[in-house]
Structures are given as C-alpha cells and as structure tokens.
Amino acid sequence: MFDERDLPAELRGVRDEYASKAVVLDTERDFETLPPAVAESLGLYVDSIAPASYPIEWLPPSAPDQLAEYAGEDFTVGTPGDGGVAWTVQTDPPVVLVKPRLRGSPSEFIEFLVAEALVQIGLDMPEFFLPFFGDAYRDLDAATTLSPADTYQLAVALCEAYIGLHTRDVFETWDDEAYPDLHEAWRDAGERLSPRVSDLPEAVALGRTDFADAAELACSAIKHDIEIPTPFGALDTEAYREYGPNYAVQWTQRTFEQIDEEE
C-alpha cells in the first residue's frame, strides 16, 4: 500500500528544516480516509502509533458519520477534503502521504503540496478541523443554515484559512536564497487562483457557486497572500490568526445573519 517517496533536493531541505524525522510515502490506492487495518500498516515505517480520539460531545447531532468515525478511538488517517496530500502526527515520526490522484500533475505542484505538509507539521498546525474547533464546532454548526455536509466543508475551509495565515509567512521567505523552485510554485499557484477568487462574490450572488464551495476556494487562497474578497477577506487578518476558532464562529454568525437580511 505504501512506498517511500524519493525527494528532490529542495524538499529534502524543507524536511530537514521543518520536520526532520517525517516519512514521506506514496500510496498505492487513492483514499479519503484510510480504514484502521490499512492505517495500522504504517507501523512498518514508523516507530510507534498513538491514535487520536475526541469527545463525541464536540459533534452536533447532525454531524456526518465520517466525522463520528474520525472522533472515535480507531486509528484512521485522512479525511474528506484533504486533497492529494494527507499527513498525520498520530505516528512517530509523522507521516506524509501522497495520493495517486496527483499522477499527471506538474511535479512542481506536487512538490509544493508535500512541502506545505512538512511545514504544517513543523509549525504544529492542527491535523484536522475537529481538534482545531473542539467544542466550538457545535457553535459553528448552530451559526449556519447549511446542510451538515456543507457545514463540514465550511469547517475544513476555515481551518485551512487559519493554517494558511501561519504557513504563508514561511512560503514568503523561500526566495532565491532558500527554496526558489518551491517559492515559484507557491507564487504561481496564487496567480492562477487570483482571478477565480476575485469573481467569487458575483458567482455566489448569481447562484453559480454555493457558499461552501466559495469558502473552500477563498480560504485555500489565503496561504498564497492574494487579495480575498468580502466576506472572506475578514478571515485574512491577524485577528483570526490570534483568536482562531472563536473568531471563526463569530465570523460565521455575522456572515449568515447578513445573508438572512439580504434574502
């Protein structure tokens, strides 16, 4: 199921600097969440496994089943919304998993995603939105008029925005004297996202994009340090970086109150 991935020089440098003991593996099959039996086979590559579990009281009654499974005691890795690269610190050393869905993607794009995961590990960022929000996830759920699945998607996006506020400070330093190819990949991705992000208010207003999808795109762009439109621009602030989940819940309450007033 897993094979160790060969890393080019810049990625080896990032790993040495931010997550020196991390193991980077290619996965044989695509996945959203590795079932326990498969996840436990990571034990062949690491020294120990310590599955995380979270209080079921953190979850609203309408939470999707996969969220309850993740919160439970079984060892699972990855969640819907992770994209082509997943990582976990439930193992020692941490593990970064590169999924086969990325085959055919430009190598520089894949390398940036791996580098991003290594930086997130090194900065001690939350592995998933549930430990990020904690019991505030119930407040987030109550603040929206979204379906349980869309609330899940919004929570993933809000957590990514918070992480992006921290990681972009690192990416900005990857200039010609550090990791120039990775810096260029980060900058190029931001330039490609910028037109799509700037069109989001119109797309939402005309019904071409729903709110959860818009949040996912806008929040993923924050790490690229590009202009983020209203209402998502209020997440691109030092206040969110400082206050985290409480700020996210307050932003969600204000945003959906405004949506209700406009309807």
Protein backbone atom coordinates (compact mmCIF):
# COMPACT_ATOMS: atom_id res chain seq x y z
CA MET A 1 0.00 0.00 0.00
CA PHE A 2 2.91 2.37 0.69
CA ASP A 3 6.30 3.11 -0.86
CA GLU A 4 8.87 5.62 0.34
CA ARG A 5 8.99 8.63 -1.94
CA ASP A 6 12.25 9.98 -3.33
CA LEU A 7 12.55 13.67 -2.54
CA PRO A 8 14.39 16.25 -4.67
CA ALA A 9 16.99 18.46 -3.02
CA GLU A 10 14.69 21.36 -2.08
CA LEU A 11 12.14 19.05 -0.48
CA ARG A 12 14.88 17.31 1.48
CA GLY A 13 15.94 20.73 2.70
CA VAL A 14 12.39 21.62 3.77
CA ARG A 15 12.04 18.33 5.60
CA ASP A 16 15.36 18.82 7.37
CA GLU A 17 14.36 22.33 8.43
CA TYR A 18 10.74 21.83 9.48
CA ALA A 19 10.03 18.12 10.08
CA SER A 20 13.36 16.35 10.04
CA LYS A 21 12.08 12.91 11.04
CA ALA A 22 8.95 12.88 8.85
CA VAL A 23 8.45 9.95 6.48
CA VAL A 24 7.05 10.74 3.02
CA LEU A 25 5.21 7.86 1.36
CA ASP A 26 3.40 7.28 -1.92
CA THR A 27 0.13 5.41 -1.56
CA GLU A 28 -0.83 2.61 -3.92
CA ARG A 29 -4.53 3.49 -3.91
CA ASP A 30 -6.49 6.71 -3.59
CA PHE A 31 -8.38 7.35 -0.38
CA GLU A 32 -10.33 9.88 1.62
CA THR A 33 -9.85 8.10 4.96
CA LEU A 34 -7.61 5.08 5.47
CA PRO A 35 -9.51 2.35 7.31
CA PRO A 36 -7.90 1.16 10.54
CA ALA A 37 -6.48 -2.06 9.09
CA VAL A 38 -4.69 -0.16 6.33
CA ALA A 39 -3.64 2.74 8.52
CA GLU A 40 -2.06 0.37 11.02
CA SER A 41 0.26 -0.94 8.30
CA LEU A 42 2.04 2.41 8.61
CA GLY A 43 3.65 0.75 11.61
CA LEU A 44 6.13 -0.77 9.17
CA TYR A 45 7.54 2.72 8.52
CA VAL A 46 7.34 4.38 11.94
CA ASP A 47 8.44 3.70 15.49
CA SER A 48 5.03 3.97 17.13
CA ILE A 49 1.36 4.78 16.57
CA ALA A 50 -0.82 6.76 19.01
CA PRO A 51 -4.38 7.09 17.62
CA ALA A 52 -6.14 10.34 18.43
CA SER A 53 -9.73 10.43 19.67
CA TYR A 54 -12.03 13.29 20.56
CA PRO A 55 -15.12 13.75 22.76
CA ILE A 56 -18.31 12.85 20.94
CA GLU A 57 -19.88 15.84 22.73
CA TRP A 58 -17.98 18.09 20.34
CA LEU A 59 -20.20 16.93 17.49
CA PRO A 60 -23.69 18.23 16.73
CA PRO A 61 -26.37 15.54 16.37
CA SER A 62 -26.45 16.11 12.61
CA ALA A 63 -22.70 15.56 12.10
CA PRO A 64 -21.80 13.30 9.14
CA ASP A 65 -20.99 9.69 10.00
CA GLN A 66 -17.36 10.01 8.89
CA LEU A 67 -16.83 12.76 11.45
CA ALA A 68 -18.00 10.50 14.25
CA GLU A 69 -15.70 7.75 12.95
CA TYR A 70 -12.76 10.14 12.94
CA ALA A 71 -13.51 11.24 16.50
CA GLY A 72 -13.60 7.62 17.69
CA GLU A 73 -10.78 5.51 19.03
CA ASP A 74 -9.95 3.61 15.83
CA PHE A 75 -6.74 4.65 14.10
CA THR A 76 -7.64 6.40 10.84
CA VAL A 77 -5.67 8.77 8.65
CA GLY A 78 -7.08 11.36 6.28
CA THR A 79 -10.49 12.94 5.92
CA PRO A 80 -12.66 14.13 3.01
CA GLY A 81 -11.28 17.45 1.86
CA ASP A 82 -7.60 16.63 2.38
CA GLY A 83 -6.80 16.76 -1.33
CA GLY A 84 -3.88 14.98 -2.93
CA VAL A 85 -1.62 15.01 0.13
CA ALA A 86 -2.51 13.98 3.69
CA TRP A 87 -0.39 13.92 6.81
CA THR A 88 -0.61 12.73 10.38
CA VAL A 89 1.19 13.16 13.66
CA GLN A 90 -0.59 10.17 15.14
CA THR A 91 2.60 8.32 14.25
CA ASP A 92 6.12 8.85 15.50
CA PRO A 93 7.72 10.08 13.32
CA PRO A 94 4.97 11.94 11.42
CA VAL A 95 3.92 10.62 8.01
CA VAL A 96 3.08 12.48 4.79
CA LEU A 97 1.03 10.51 2.25
CA VAL A 98 1.00 11.38 -1.45
CA LYS A 99 -2.07 10.02 -3.24
CA PRO A 100 -2.10 8.61 -6.78
CA ARG A 101 -4.75 11.15 -7.81
CA LEU A 102 -1.83 13.55 -8.28
CA ARG A 103 -0.30 11.47 -11.07
CA GLY A 104 -0.07 13.61 -14.17
CA SER A 105 0.05 16.85 -12.18
CA PRO A 106 3.12 19.08 -12.69
CA SER A 107 5.98 17.91 -10.50
CA GLU A 108 6.49 21.37 -9.04
CA PHE A 109 2.85 21.42 -7.89
CA ILE A 110 3.18 18.05 -6.17
CA GLU A 111 6.44 19.08 -4.54
CA PHE A 112 4.84 22.24 -3.16
CA LEU A 113 1.98 20.22 -1.63
CA VAL A 114 4.48 17.91 0.06
CA ALA A 115 6.49 20.90 1.26
CA GLU A 116 3.32 22.51 2.59
CA ALA A 117 2.52 19.38 4.60
CA LEU A 118 6.02 19.33 6.07
CA VAL A 119 5.75 22.97 7.08
CA GLN A 120 2.35 22.38 8.67
CA ILE A 121 3.82 19.56 10.72
CA GLY A 122 6.78 21.70 11.74
CA LEU A 123 4.53 24.59 12.81
CA ASP A 124 2.38 22.23 14.89
CA MET A 125 -0.74 23.06 12.91
CA PRO A 126 -3.99 21.13 13.53
CA GLU A 127 -4.21 17.89 11.57
CA PHE A 128 -7.95 18.35 11.06
CA PHE A 129 -10.66 20.87 11.87
CA LEU A 130 -12.12 18.90 14.77
CA PRO A 131 -9.17 19.40 17.17
CA PHE A 132 -8.97 22.97 15.87
CA PHE A 133 -12.58 23.83 16.76
CA GLY A 134 -13.07 21.47 19.68
CA ASP A 135 -16.44 22.02 21.34
CA ALA A 136 -16.83 25.23 19.32
CA TYR A 137 -17.78 23.07 16.34
CA ARG A 138 -21.29 22.81 17.77
CA ASP A 139 -21.42 26.62 17.84
CA LEU A 140 -20.24 26.76 14.24
CA ASP A 141 -22.94 24.30 13.23
CA ALA A 142 -25.59 26.36 15.03
CA ALA A 143 -24.40 29.56 13.33
CA THR A 144 -25.07 28.35 9.79
CA THR A 145 -28.11 27.48 7.73
CA LEU A 146 -26.08 24.96 5.74
CA SER A 147 -26.59 21.23 5.44
CA PRO A 148 -24.41 19.01 7.68
CA ALA A 149 -22.19 18.17 4.68
CA ASP A 150 -21.77 21.85 3.73
CA THR A 151 -21.07 22.79 7.35
CA TYR A 152 -18.35 20.14 7.34
CA GLN A 153 -16.94 21.65 4.14
CA LEU A 154 -17.03 25.13 5.68
CA ALA A 155 -15.21 23.90 8.79
CA VAL A 156 -12.49 22.34 6.63
CA ALA A 157 -12.13 25.64 4.77
CA LEU A 158 -11.98 27.76 7.93
CA CYS A 159 -9.30 25.54 9.40
CA GLU A 160 -7.30 25.76 6.16
CA ALA A 161 -7.55 29.55 6.25
CA TYR A 162 -6.19 29.60 9.79
CA ILE A 163 -3.30 27.33 8.82
CA GLY A 164 -2.62 29.42 5.72
CA LEU A 165 -2.18 32.55 7.83
CA HIS A 166 0.75 30.80 9.50
CA THR A 167 2.33 28.92 6.62
CA ARG A 168 2.42 31.79 4.16
CA ASP A 169 4.95 33.58 6.37
CA VAL A 170 7.24 30.64 5.67
CA PHE A 171 6.49 30.42 1.95
CA GLU A 172 7.25 34.11 1.51
CA THR A 173 10.81 33.51 2.72
CA TRP A 174 11.51 30.82 0.12
CA ASP A 175 13.24 33.21 -2.22
CA ASP A 176 16.26 32.64 -4.40
CA GLU A 177 18.47 32.02 -1.38
CA ALA A 178 16.25 29.33 0.18
CA TYR A 179 13.96 27.17 -1.96
CA PRO A 180 13.49 29.06 -5.24
CA ASP A 181 11.57 26.36 -7.13
CA LEU A 182 9.12 25.86 -4.28
CA HIS A 183 8.75 29.62 -3.87
CA GLU A 184 7.95 29.93 -7.57
CA ALA A 185 5.37 27.14 -7.34
CA TRP A 186 3.71 28.92 -4.39
CA ARG A 187 3.67 32.25 -6.24
CA ASP A 188 2.43 30.72 -9.49
CA ALA A 189 -0.43 28.91 -7.75
CA GLY A 190 -1.52 32.19 -6.18
CA GLU A 191 -1.52 33.97 -9.53
CA ARG A 192 -3.65 31.20 -11.04
CA LEU A 193 -6.13 31.36 -8.17
CA SER A 194 -6.45 35.14 -8.08
CA PRO A 195 -8.97 35.59 -10.95
CA ARG A 196 -11.19 32.79 -9.64
CA VAL A 197 -11.15 34.21 -6.13
CA SER A 198 -11.91 37.77 -7.22
CA ASP A 199 -15.00 36.54 -9.10
CA LEU A 200 -16.46 34.74 -6.07
CA PRO A 201 -18.90 37.44 -4.84
CA GLU A 202 -20.57 37.62 -8.25
CA ALA A 203 -20.57 33.84 -8.64
CA VAL A 204 -22.29 33.38 -5.27
CA ALA A 205 -24.77 36.18 -5.89
CA LEU A 206 -25.79 34.68 -9.25
CA GLY A 207 -26.02 31.17 -7.85
CA ARG A 208 -23.17 29.80 -9.94
CA THR A 209 -21.25 28.84 -6.78
CA ASP A 210 -22.70 27.86 -3.44
CA PHE A 211 -21.39 29.31 -0.19
CA ALA A 212 -19.44 26.25 0.98
CA ASP A 213 -17.62 25.91 -2.36
CA ALA A 214 -16.83 29.63 -2.35
CA ALA A 215 -15.46 29.38 1.18
CA GLU A 216 -13.29 26.42 0.20
CA LEU A 217 -11.72 28.35 -2.68
CA ALA A 218 -11.27 31.63 -0.81
CA CYS A 219 -9.84 30.02 2.31
CA SER A 220 -7.41 27.87 0.31
CA ALA A 221 -6.11 31.04 -1.36
CA ILE A 222 -5.21 32.79 1.89
CA LYS A 223 -1.92 30.89 2.10
CA HIS A 224 -0.90 32.48 -1.21
CA ASP A 225 -1.22 36.03 0.17
CA ILE A 226 -3.53 37.30 -2.57
CA GLU A 227 -6.49 39.66 -2.19
CA ILE A 228 -9.52 37.89 -0.73
CA PRO A 229 -12.98 39.43 -1.37
CA THR A 230 -15.80 40.09 1.09
CA PRO A 231 -16.97 38.34 3.23
CA PHE A 232 -13.99 36.01 3.25
CA GLY A 233 -11.47 38.84 3.43
CA ALA A 234 -12.33 39.21 7.12
CA LEU A 235 -10.62 35.87 7.67
CA ASP A 236 -7.38 37.19 6.15
CA THR A 237 -6.50 39.06 9.33
CA GLU A 238 -4.21 38.98 12.33
CA ALA A 239 -7.32 38.74 14.49
CA TYR A 240 -8.15 35.33 13.04
CA ARG A 241 -4.57 34.21 13.43
CA GLU A 242 -4.68 35.25 17.10
CA TYR A 243 -8.15 34.12 18.14
CA GLY A 244 -8.64 31.09 15.89
CA PRO A 245 -11.87 29.09 16.30
CA ASN A 246 -13.73 31.69 18.38
CA TYR A 247 -13.12 34.28 15.68
CA ALA A 248 -14.24 31.79 13.01
CA VAL A 249 -17.52 31.15 14.82
CA GLN A 250 -18.19 34.88 15.25
CA TRP A 251 -17.40 35.50 11.57
CA THR A 252 -19.81 32.73 10.59
CA GLN A 253 -22.58 34.14 12.78
CA ARG A 254 -22.19 37.64 11.33
CA THR A 255 -21.95 36.36 7.77
CA PHE A 256 -25.11 34.26 7.93
CA GLU A 257 -27.02 37.00 9.72
CA GLN A 258 -26.16 39.29 6.84
CA ILE A 259 -27.17 36.64 4.30
CA ASP A 260 -30.53 36.26 6.06
CA GLU A 261 -31.08 40.03 5.99
CA GLU A 262 -30.38 40.18 2.26
CA GLU A 263 -32.79 37.38 1.39
